[in-house]
Amino acid sequence: MWIKLLMAFINGIYEEHNLSESAFKTMKQMFIRSFPYVARNMTSKEKERVRSLLYFGLIK
């Protein structure tokens, strides 16, 4: 469901802001290809990394 909503959002940006077709296709490919990596549970090591980055203010 998330990827479907994201693609609808990207389509809206493309139509509203007149992006080049090349940029539009590249953006869609980036999101589709990265989805399997971000749509999973984090490992303990990844969770600890995020905690440390938050602690030191490196991500918000």
Protein backbone atom coordinates (compact mmCIF):
# COMPACT_ATOMS: atom_id res chain seq x y z
CA MET A 1 0.00 0.00 0.00
CA TRP A 2 2.83 2.40 0.86
CA ILE A 3 4.52 2.10 -2.54
CA LYS A 4 1.15 2.64 -4.28
CA LEU A 5 0.58 5.88 -2.34
CA LEU A 6 4.14 6.99 -3.00
CA MET A 7 3.75 6.46 -6.74
CA ALA A 8 0.50 8.46 -6.71
CA PHE A 9 2.31 11.27 -4.89
CA ILE A 10 5.18 11.21 -7.40
CA ASN A 11 2.73 11.30 -10.29
CA GLY A 12 1.16 14.40 -8.75
CA ILE A 13 4.56 16.11 -8.45
CA TYR A 14 5.36 15.24 -12.05
CA GLU A 15 2.13 16.76 -13.33
CA GLU A 16 2.19 19.81 -11.03
CA HIS A 17 5.84 20.82 -11.43
CA ASN A 18 6.51 19.78 -15.03
CA LEU A 19 9.51 17.57 -14.25
CA SER A 20 11.39 16.16 -17.19
CA GLU A 21 10.34 12.66 -18.10
CA SER A 22 13.88 11.44 -17.49
CA ALA A 23 13.90 12.85 -13.94
CA PHE A 24 10.46 11.39 -13.30
CA LYS A 25 11.47 7.90 -14.44
CA THR A 26 14.70 8.03 -12.45
CA MET A 27 12.86 9.09 -9.30
CA LYS A 28 10.32 6.27 -9.69
CA GLN A 29 13.06 3.69 -10.23
CA MET A 30 14.94 4.91 -7.16
CA PHE A 31 11.89 4.49 -4.91
CA ILE A 32 10.87 1.13 -6.37
CA ARG A 33 14.39 -0.30 -6.14
CA SER A 34 14.98 0.94 -2.59
CA PHE A 35 11.59 -0.22 -1.28
CA PRO A 36 12.66 -3.80 -0.41
CA TYR A 37 15.53 -2.43 1.70
CA VAL A 38 13.46 0.05 3.69
CA ALA A 39 10.29 -2.04 4.01
CA ARG A 40 11.73 -4.57 6.41
CA ASN A 41 12.43 -4.80 10.12
CA MET A 42 15.77 -3.36 11.17
CA THR A 43 18.41 -5.57 12.71
CA SER A 44 19.59 -4.93 16.26
CA LYS A 45 22.80 -3.44 14.89
CA GLU A 46 20.85 -1.04 12.64
CA LYS A 47 18.59 -0.01 15.54
CA GLU A 48 21.62 0.74 17.71
CA ARG A 49 23.16 2.80 14.90
CA VAL A 50 19.99 4.90 14.61
CA ARG A 51 19.90 5.39 18.39
CA SER A 52 23.49 6.62 18.42
CA LEU A 53 22.87 8.99 15.50
CA LEU A 54 19.81 10.40 17.28
CA TYR A 55 21.74 10.76 20.53
CA PHE A 56 24.48 12.79 18.88
CA GLY A 57 21.98 14.88 16.90
CA LEU A 58 23.23 13.64 13.54
CA ILE A 59 19.70 12.81 12.38
CA LYS A 60 16.40 14.30 13.40
